Amino acid sequence: MNVQVRYFASLRETLGSGETVADLPPGSTLATLRDALIARGGTYATALARSRSVRCALDQKMSEETAALRDGAEVAFFPPVTGG
């Protein structure tokens, strides 16, 4: 299944791109996607490392990494936002 992946804020800057497409097996979750992106190595491994705090949205709704993906889903990764 194909998933549209978007990156925001510092993740976009680190990766040098605002989006990509990922091809994943059926039954994949947000965690599966993140791990597949980390496995690409290089800046993906650095930006999405498990040691970093990264938020996820699935079809424009904040989601936990256990959320199941569907073909054509839109996923967004971004760093935690703080404000004052």
PDB file of N, CA and C in Angstrom:
ATOM      1  N   MET A   1       0.841  -1.175   0.000  1.00  0.00           N
ATOM      2  CA  MET A   1       0.000   0.000   0.000  1.00  0.00           C
ATOM      3  C   MET A   1       0.884   1.234   0.000  1.00  0.00           C
ATOM      4  N   ASN A   2       0.415   2.290  -0.646  1.00  0.00           N
ATOM      5  CA  ASN A   2       1.165   3.540  -0.713  1.00  0.00           C
ATOM      6  C   ASN A   2       0.600   4.545   0.284  1.00  0.00           C
ATOM      7  N   VAL A   3       1.504   5.229   0.965  1.00  0.00           N
ATOM      8  CA  VAL A   3       1.143   6.234   1.957  1.00  0.00           C
ATOM      9  C   VAL A   3       1.889   7.522   1.629  1.00  0.00           C
ATOM     10  N   GLN A   4       1.191   8.636   1.629  1.00  0.00           N
ATOM     11  CA  GLN A   4       1.798   9.953   1.419  1.00  0.00           C
ATOM     12  C   GLN A   4       2.346  10.424   2.768  1.00  0.00           C
ATOM     13  N   VAL A   5       3.618  10.775   2.812  1.00  0.00           N
ATOM     14  CA  VAL A   5       4.257  11.197   4.066  1.00  0.00           C
ATOM     15  C   VAL A   5       4.709  12.647   3.930  1.00  0.00           C
ATOM     16  N   ARG A   6       4.339  13.455   4.902  1.00  0.00           N
ATOM     17  CA  ARG A   6       4.725  14.866   4.919  1.00  0.00           C
ATOM     18  C   ARG A   6       5.550  15.154   6.165  1.00  0.00           C
ATOM     19  N   TYR A   7       6.492  16.060   6.021  1.00  0.00           N
ATOM     20  CA  TYR A   7       7.376  16.443   7.122  1.00  0.00           C
ATOM     21  C   TYR A   7       7.251  17.944   7.353  1.00  0.00           C
ATOM     22  N   PHE A   8       7.259  18.343   8.624  1.00  0.00           N
ATOM     23  CA  PHE A   8       7.096  19.743   8.955  1.00  0.00           C
ATOM     24  C   PHE A   8       8.193  20.235   9.888  1.00  0.00           C
ATOM     25  N   ALA A   9       8.370  21.555   9.885  1.00  0.00           N
ATOM     26  CA  ALA A   9       9.293  22.268  10.772  1.00  0.00           C
ATOM     27  C   ALA A   9      10.720  21.736  10.613  1.00  0.00           C
ATOM     28  N   SER A  10      11.387  21.451  11.725  1.00  0.00           N
ATOM     29  CA  SER A  10      12.793  21.048  11.666  1.00  0.00           C
ATOM     30  C   SER A  10      12.993  19.726  10.918  1.00  0.00           C
ATOM     31  N   LEU A  11      11.986  18.861  10.913  1.00  0.00           N
ATOM     32  CA  LEU A  11      12.120  17.601  10.166  1.00  0.00           C
ATOM     33  C   LEU A  11      12.222  17.891   8.665  1.00  0.00           C
ATOM     34  N   ARG A  12      11.416  18.801   8.208  1.00  0.00           N
ATOM     35  CA  ARG A  12      11.463  19.185   6.792  1.00  0.00           C
ATOM     36  C   ARG A  12      12.831  19.775   6.448  1.00  0.00           C
ATOM     37  N   GLU A  13      13.339  20.617   7.327  1.00  0.00           N
ATOM     38  CA  GLU A  13      14.655  21.230   7.097  1.00  0.00           C
ATOM     39  C   GLU A  13      15.759  20.181   7.074  1.00  0.00           C
ATOM     40  N   THR A  14      15.720  19.254   8.010  1.00  0.00           N
ATOM     41  CA  THR A  14      16.744  18.212   8.088  1.00  0.00           C
ATOM     42  C   THR A  14      16.704  17.300   6.865  1.00  0.00           C
ATOM     43  N   LEU A  15      15.500  16.915   6.446  1.00  0.00           N
ATOM     44  CA  LEU A  15      15.356  15.986   5.326  1.00  0.00           C
ATOM     45  C   LEU A  15      15.482  16.663   3.971  1.00  0.00           C
ATOM     46  N   GLY A  16      15.341  17.983   3.946  1.00  0.00           N
ATOM     47  CA  GLY A  16      15.471  18.698   2.693  1.00  0.00           C
ATOM     48  C   GLY A  16      14.290  18.516   1.752  1.00  0.00           C
ATOM     49  N   SER A  17      13.201  17.975   2.279  1.00  0.00           N
ATOM     50  CA  SER A  17      12.006  17.745   1.471  1.00  0.00           C
ATOM     51  C   SER A  17      10.785  17.784   2.369  1.00  0.00           C
ATOM     52  N   GLY A  18       9.674  18.219   1.821  1.00  0.00           N
ATOM     53  CA  GLY A  18       8.451  18.291   2.599  1.00  0.00           C
ATOM     54  C   GLY A  18       7.587  17.067   2.504  1.00  0.00           C
ATOM     55  N   GLU A  19       7.902  16.169   1.550  1.00  0.00           N
ATOM     56  CA  GLU A  19       7.057  14.984   1.425  1.00  0.00           C
ATOM     57  C   GLU A  19       7.744  13.872   0.654  1.00  0.00           C
ATOM     58  N   THR A  20       7.183  12.688   0.824  1.00  0.00           N
ATOM     59  CA  THR A  20       7.650  11.505   0.113  1.00  0.00           C
ATOM     60  C   THR A  20       6.498  10.498   0.085  1.00  0.00           C
ATOM     61  N   VAL A  21       6.669   9.434  -0.648  1.00  0.00           N
ATOM     62  CA  VAL A  21       5.693   8.345  -0.679  1.00  0.00           C
ATOM     63  C   VAL A  21       6.384   7.093  -0.159  1.00  0.00           C
ATOM     64  N   ALA A  22       5.678   6.343   0.675  1.00  0.00           N
ATOM     65  CA  ALA A  22       6.222   5.094   1.207  1.00  0.00           C
ATOM     66  C   ALA A  22       5.328   3.937   0.769  1.00  0.00           C
ATOM     67  N   ASP A  23       5.950   2.847   0.393  1.00  0.00           N
ATOM     68  CA  ASP A  23       5.230   1.627   0.024  1.00  0.00           C
ATOM     69  C   ASP A  23       5.397   0.641   1.171  1.00  0.00           C
ATOM     70  N   LEU A  24       4.280   0.255   1.781  1.00  0.00           N
ATOM     71  CA  LEU A  24       4.312  -0.607   2.967  1.00  0.00           C
ATOM     72  C   LEU A  24       3.410  -1.816   2.778  1.00  0.00           C
ATOM     73  N   PRO A  25       3.676  -2.891   3.521  1.00  0.00           N
ATOM     74  CA  PRO A  25       2.796  -4.062   3.431  1.00  0.00           C
ATOM     75  C   PRO A  25       1.462  -3.806   4.137  1.00  0.00           C
ATOM     76  N   PRO A  26       0.406  -4.498   3.730  1.00  0.00           N
ATOM     77  CA  PRO A  26      -0.886  -4.371   4.411  1.00  0.00           C
ATOM     78  C   PRO A  26      -0.733  -4.659   5.906  1.00  0.00           C
ATOM     79  N   GLY A  27      -1.525  -3.983   6.713  1.00  0.00           N
ATOM     80  CA  GLY A  27      -1.468  -4.189   8.161  1.00  0.00           C
ATOM     81  C   GLY A  27      -0.442  -3.316   8.857  1.00  0.00           C
ATOM     82  N   SER A  28       0.221  -2.439   8.118  1.00  0.00           N
ATOM     83  CA  SER A  28       1.240  -1.568   8.714  1.00  0.00           C
ATOM     84  C   SER A  28       0.606  -0.506   9.604  1.00  0.00           C
ATOM     85  N   THR A  29       1.406  -0.044  10.556  1.00  0.00           N
ATOM     86  CA  THR A  29       0.998   1.000  11.487  1.00  0.00           C
ATOM     87  C   THR A  29       1.911   2.212  11.312  1.00  0.00           C
ATOM     88  N   LEU A  30       1.624   3.263  12.047  1.00  0.00           N
ATOM     89  CA  LEU A  30       2.513   4.418  12.034  1.00  0.00           C
ATOM     90  C   LEU A  30       3.909   4.032  12.501  1.00  0.00           C
ATOM     91  N   ALA A  31       3.998   3.138  13.473  1.00  0.00           N
ATOM     92  CA  ALA A  31       5.306   2.673  13.959  1.00  0.00           C
ATOM     93  C   ALA A  31       6.061   1.937  12.852  1.00  0.00           C
ATOM     94  N   THR A  32       5.352   1.105  12.089  1.00  0.00           N
ATOM     95  CA  THR A  32       5.966   0.391  10.963  1.00  0.00           C
ATOM     96  C   THR A  32       6.525   1.384   9.958  1.00  0.00           C
ATOM     97  N   LEU A  33       5.743   2.416   9.662  1.00  0.00           N
ATOM     98  CA  LEU A  33       6.182   3.443   8.726  1.00  0.00           C
ATOM     99  C   LEU A  33       7.423   4.159   9.244  1.00  0.00           C
ATOM    100  N   ARG A  34       7.387   4.585  10.490  1.00  0.00           N
ATOM    101  CA  ARG A  34       8.549   5.294  11.050  1.00  0.00           C
ATOM    102  C   ARG A  34       9.792   4.424  10.991  1.00  0.00           C
ATOM    103  N   ASP A  35       9.656   3.152  11.359  1.00  0.00           N
ATOM    104  CA  ASP A  35      10.805   2.242  11.315  1.00  0.00           C
ATOM    105  C   ASP A  35      11.318   2.048   9.887  1.00  0.00           C
ATOM    106  N   ALA A  36      10.403   1.984   8.912  1.00  0.00           N
ATOM    107  CA  ALA A  36      10.814   1.834   7.511  1.00  0.00           C
ATOM    108  C   ALA A  36      11.570   3.073   7.038  1.00  0.00           C
ATOM    109  N   LEU A  37      11.132   4.240   7.477  1.00  0.00           N
ATOM    110  CA  LEU A  37      11.830   5.470   7.106  1.00  0.00           C
ATOM    111  C   LEU A  37      13.200   5.542   7.773  1.00  0.00           C
ATOM    112  N   ILE A  38      13.286   5.146   9.035  1.00  0.00           N
ATOM    113  CA  ILE A  38      14.566   5.118   9.749  1.00  0.00           C
ATOM    114  C   ILE A  38      15.534   4.179   9.030  1.00  0.00           C
ATOM    115  N   ALA A  39      15.008   3.057   8.531  1.00  0.00           N
ATOM    116  CA  ALA A  39      15.841   2.063   7.848  1.00  0.00           C
ATOM    117  C   ALA A  39      16.440   2.598   6.544  1.00  0.00           C
ATOM    118  N   ARG A  40      15.907   3.690   6.017  1.00  0.00           N
ATOM    119  CA  ARG A  40      16.499   4.311   4.824  1.00  0.00           C
ATOM    120  C   ARG A  40      17.893   4.855   5.128  1.00  0.00           C
ATOM    121  N   GLY A  41      18.163   5.078   6.416  1.00  0.00           N
ATOM    122  CA  GLY A  41      19.474   5.555   6.840  1.00  0.00           C
ATOM    123  C   GLY A  41      19.643   7.049   6.628  1.00  0.00           C
ATOM    124  N   GLY A  42      20.871   7.502   6.772  1.00  0.00           N
ATOM    125  CA  GLY A  42      21.215   8.898   6.550  1.00  0.00           C
ATOM    126  C   GLY A  42      20.386   9.868   7.366  1.00  0.00           C
ATOM    127  N   THR A  43      19.899  10.911   6.699  1.00  0.00           N
ATOM    128  CA  THR A  43      19.146  11.943   7.407  1.00  0.00           C
ATOM    129  C   THR A  43      17.817  11.427   7.937  1.00  0.00           C
ATOM    130  N   TYR A  44      17.229  10.416   7.284  1.00  0.00           N
ATOM    131  CA  TYR A  44      15.989   9.831   7.801  1.00  0.00           C
ATOM    132  C   TYR A  44      16.241   9.186   9.160  1.00  0.00           C
ATOM    133  N   ALA A  45      17.324   8.435   9.272  1.00  0.00           N
ATOM    134  CA  ALA A  45      17.658   7.772  10.536  1.00  0.00           C
ATOM    135  C   ALA A  45      17.902   8.799  11.638  1.00  0.00           C
ATOM    136  N   THR A  46      18.522   9.900  11.283  1.00  0.00           N
ATOM    137  CA  THR A  46      18.804  10.951  12.264  1.00  0.00           C
ATOM    138  C   THR A  46      17.540  11.689  12.662  1.00  0.00           C
ATOM    139  N   ALA A  47      16.772  12.137  11.690  1.00  0.00           N
ATOM    140  CA  ALA A  47      15.594  12.964  11.957  1.00  0.00           C
ATOM    141  C   ALA A  47      14.484  12.213  12.681  1.00  0.00           C
ATOM    142  N   LEU A  48      14.300  10.924  12.364  1.00  0.00           N
ATOM    143  CA  LEU A  48      13.195  10.157  12.926  1.00  0.00           C
ATOM    144  C   LEU A  48      13.628   9.137  13.967  1.00  0.00           C
ATOM    145  N   ALA A  49      14.866   9.231  14.426  1.00  0.00           N
ATOM    146  CA  ALA A  49      15.407   8.271  15.398  1.00  0.00           C
ATOM    147  C   ALA A  49      14.459   8.072  16.577  1.00  0.00           C
ATOM    148  N   ARG A  50      14.417   6.874  17.079  1.00  0.00           N
ATOM    149  CA  ARG A  50      13.551   6.549  18.215  1.00  0.00           C
ATOM    150  C   ARG A  50      13.904   7.359  19.457  1.00  0.00           C
ATOM    151  N   SER A  51      15.120   7.852  19.540  1.00  0.00           N
ATOM    152  CA  SER A  51      15.536   8.658  20.693  1.00  0.00           C
ATOM    153  C   SER A  51      14.988  10.085  20.624  1.00  0.00           C
ATOM    154  N   ARG A  52      14.421  10.454  19.480  1.00  0.00           N
ATOM    155  CA  ARG A  52      13.864  11.800  19.294  1.00  0.00           C
ATOM    156  C   ARG A  52      12.354  11.785  19.488  1.00  0.00           C
ATOM    157  N   SER A  53      11.848  12.867  20.038  1.00  0.00           N
ATOM    158  CA  SER A  53      10.412  13.018  20.196  1.00  0.00           C
ATOM    159  C   SER A  53       9.831  13.519  18.875  1.00  0.00           C
ATOM    160  N   VAL A  54       8.953  12.722  18.290  1.00  0.00           N
ATOM    161  CA  VAL A  54       8.330  13.064  17.015  1.00  0.00           C
ATOM    162  C   VAL A  54       6.833  12.806  17.138  1.00  0.00           C
ATOM    163  N   ARG A  55       6.035  13.760  16.723  1.00  0.00           N
ATOM    164  CA  ARG A  55       4.580  13.619  16.761  1.00  0.00           C
ATOM    165  C   ARG A  55       4.102  13.111  15.402  1.00  0.00           C
ATOM    166  N   CYS A  56       2.934  12.454  15.395  1.00  0.00           N
ATOM    167  CA  CYS A  56       2.376  11.892  14.168  1.00  0.00           C
ATOM    168  C   CYS A  56       0.914  12.302  14.016  1.00  0.00           C
ATOM    169  N   ALA A  57       0.533  12.545  12.787  1.00  0.00           N
ATOM    170  CA  ALA A  57      -0.873  12.758  12.464  1.00  0.00           C
ATOM    171  C   ALA A  57      -1.220  11.826  11.307  1.00  0.00           C
ATOM    172  N   LEU A  58      -2.380  11.214  11.393  1.00  0.00           N
ATOM    173  CA  LEU A  58      -2.869  10.326  10.354  1.00  0.00           C
ATOM    174  C   LEU A  58      -4.137  10.941   9.789  1.00  0.00           C
ATOM    175  N   ASP A  59      -4.124  11.250   8.511  1.00  0.00           N
ATOM    176  CA  ASP A  59      -5.252  11.916   7.859  1.00  0.00           C
ATOM    177  C   ASP A  59      -5.710  13.139   8.651  1.00  0.00           C
ATOM    178  N   GLN A  60      -4.731  13.944   9.056  1.00  0.00           N
ATOM    179  CA  GLN A  60      -4.899  15.222   9.736  1.00  0.00           C
ATOM    180  C   GLN A  60      -5.480  15.118  11.140  1.00  0.00           C
ATOM    181  N   LYS A  61      -5.317  13.956  11.784  1.00  0.00           N
ATOM    182  CA  LYS A  61      -5.719  13.774  13.179  1.00  0.00           C
ATOM    183  C   LYS A  61      -4.532  13.242  13.964  1.00  0.00           C
ATOM    184  N   MET A  62      -4.245  13.877  15.090  1.00  0.00           N
ATOM    185  CA  MET A  62      -3.147  13.395  15.938  1.00  0.00           C
ATOM    186  C   MET A  62      -3.390  11.928  16.263  1.00  0.00           C
ATOM    187  N   SER A  63      -2.339  11.114  16.157  1.00  0.00           N
ATOM    188  CA  SER A  63      -2.491   9.670  16.337  1.00  0.00           C
ATOM    189  C   SER A  63      -1.302   9.078  17.064  1.00  0.00           C
ATOM    190  N   GLU A  64      -1.550   7.977  17.723  1.00  0.00           N
ATOM    191  CA  GLU A  64      -0.498   7.190  18.351  1.00  0.00           C
ATOM    192  C   GLU A  64       0.137   6.313  17.276  1.00  0.00           C
ATOM    193  N   GLU A  65       1.341   5.848  17.527  1.00  0.00           N
ATOM    194  CA  GLU A  65       2.042   5.026  16.532  1.00  0.00           C
ATOM    195  C   GLU A  65       1.418   3.654  16.327  1.00  0.00           C
ATOM    196  N   THR A  66       0.462   3.288  17.149  1.00  0.00           N
ATOM    197  CA  THR A  66      -0.231   2.007  16.980  1.00  0.00           C
ATOM    198  C   THR A  66      -1.353   2.096  15.952  1.00  0.00           C
ATOM    199  N   ALA A  67      -1.643   3.304  15.449  1.00  0.00           N
ATOM    200  CA  ALA A  67      -2.729   3.491  14.482  1.00  0.00           C
ATOM    201  C   ALA A  67      -2.432   2.754  13.178  1.00  0.00           C
ATOM    202  N   ALA A  68      -3.445   2.061  12.675  1.00  0.00           N
ATOM    203  CA  ALA A  68      -3.310   1.305  11.425  1.00  0.00           C
ATOM    204  C   ALA A  68      -3.387   2.238  10.220  1.00  0.00           C
ATOM    205  N   LEU A  69      -2.570   1.937   9.220  1.00  0.00           N
ATOM    206  CA  LEU A  69      -2.557   2.711   7.985  1.00  0.00           C
ATOM    207  C   LEU A  69      -3.434   2.045   6.937  1.00  0.00           C
ATOM    208  N   ARG A  70      -3.877   2.834   5.979  1.00  0.00           N
ATOM    209  CA  ARG A  70      -4.644   2.317   4.844  1.00  0.00           C
ATOM    210  C   ARG A  70      -4.000   2.852   3.570  1.00  0.00           C
ATOM    211  N   ASP A  71      -4.264   2.203   2.480  1.00  0.00           N
ATOM    212  CA  ASP A  71      -3.740   2.663   1.203  1.00  0.00           C
ATOM    213  C   ASP A  71      -4.250   4.078   0.926  1.00  0.00           C
ATOM    214  N   GLY A  72      -3.347   4.969   0.539  1.00  0.00           N
ATOM    215  CA  GLY A  72      -3.709   6.339   0.241  1.00  0.00           C
ATOM    216  C   GLY A  72      -3.752   7.266   1.441  1.00  0.00           C
ATOM    217  N   ALA A  73      -3.409   6.769   2.617  1.00  0.00           N
ATOM    218  CA  ALA A  73      -3.433   7.604   3.822  1.00  0.00           C
ATOM    219  C   ALA A  73      -2.395   8.718   3.722  1.00  0.00           C
ATOM    220  N   GLU A  74      -2.649   9.793   4.463  1.00  0.00           N
ATOM    221  CA  GLU A  74      -1.695  10.887   4.568  1.00  0.00           C
ATOM    222  C   GLU A  74      -1.160  10.904   5.996  1.00  0.00           C
ATOM    223  N   VAL A  75       0.145  10.841   6.116  1.00  0.00           N
ATOM    224  CA  VAL A  75       0.800  10.858   7.431  1.00  0.00           C
ATOM    225  C   VAL A  75       1.682  12.090   7.518  1.00  0.00           C
ATOM    226  N   ALA A  76       1.638  12.742   8.665  1.00  0.00           N
ATOM    227  CA  ALA A  76       2.505  13.900   8.900  1.00  0.00           C
ATOM    228  C   ALA A  76       3.373  13.623  10.121  1.00  0.00           C
ATOM    229  N   PHE A  77       4.651  13.939   9.999  1.00  0.00           N
ATOM    230  CA  PHE A  77       5.590  13.857  11.117  1.00  0.00           C
ATOM    231  C   PHE A  77       6.068  15.261  11.421  1.00  0.00           C
ATOM    232  N   PHE A  78       6.117  15.601  12.698  1.00  0.00           N
ATOM    233  CA  PHE A  78       6.609  16.918  13.089  1.00  0.00           C
ATOM    234  C   PHE A  78       7.120  16.874  14.526  1.00  0.00           C
ATOM    235  N   PRO A  79       8.012  17.798  14.865  1.00  0.00           N
ATOM    236  CA  PRO A  79       8.525  17.821  16.238  1.00  0.00           C
ATOM    237  C   PRO A  79       7.450  18.379  17.176  1.00  0.00           C
ATOM    238  N   PRO A  80       7.577  18.099  18.470  1.00  0.00           N
ATOM    239  CA  PRO A  80       6.628  18.673  19.430  1.00  0.00           C
ATOM    240  C   PRO A  80       6.665  20.189  19.341  1.00  0.00           C
ATOM    241  N   VAL A  81       5.535  20.801  19.530  1.00  0.00           N
ATOM    242  CA  VAL A  81       5.440  22.255  19.451  1.00  0.00           C
ATOM    243  C   VAL A  81       5.270  22.824  20.851  1.00  0.00           C
ATOM    244  N   THR A  82       6.050  23.846  21.146  1.00  0.00           N
ATOM    245  CA  THR A  82       5.894  24.532  22.420  1.00  0.00           C
ATOM    246  C   THR A  82       5.512  25.978  22.132  1.00  0.00           C
ATOM    247  N   GLY A  83       4.901  26.576  23.073  1.00  0.00           N
ATOM    248  CA  GLY A  83       4.474  27.958  22.863  1.00  0.00           C
ATOM    249  C   GLY A  83       4.438  28.696  24.184  1.00  0.00           C
ATOM    250  N   GLY A  84       4.156  29.940  24.086  1.00  0.00           N
ATOM    251  CA  GLY A  84       4.124  30.695  25.314  1.00  0.00           C
ATOM    252  C   GLY A  84       3.189  31.851  25.235  1.00  0.00           C
TER     253      GLY A  84
END
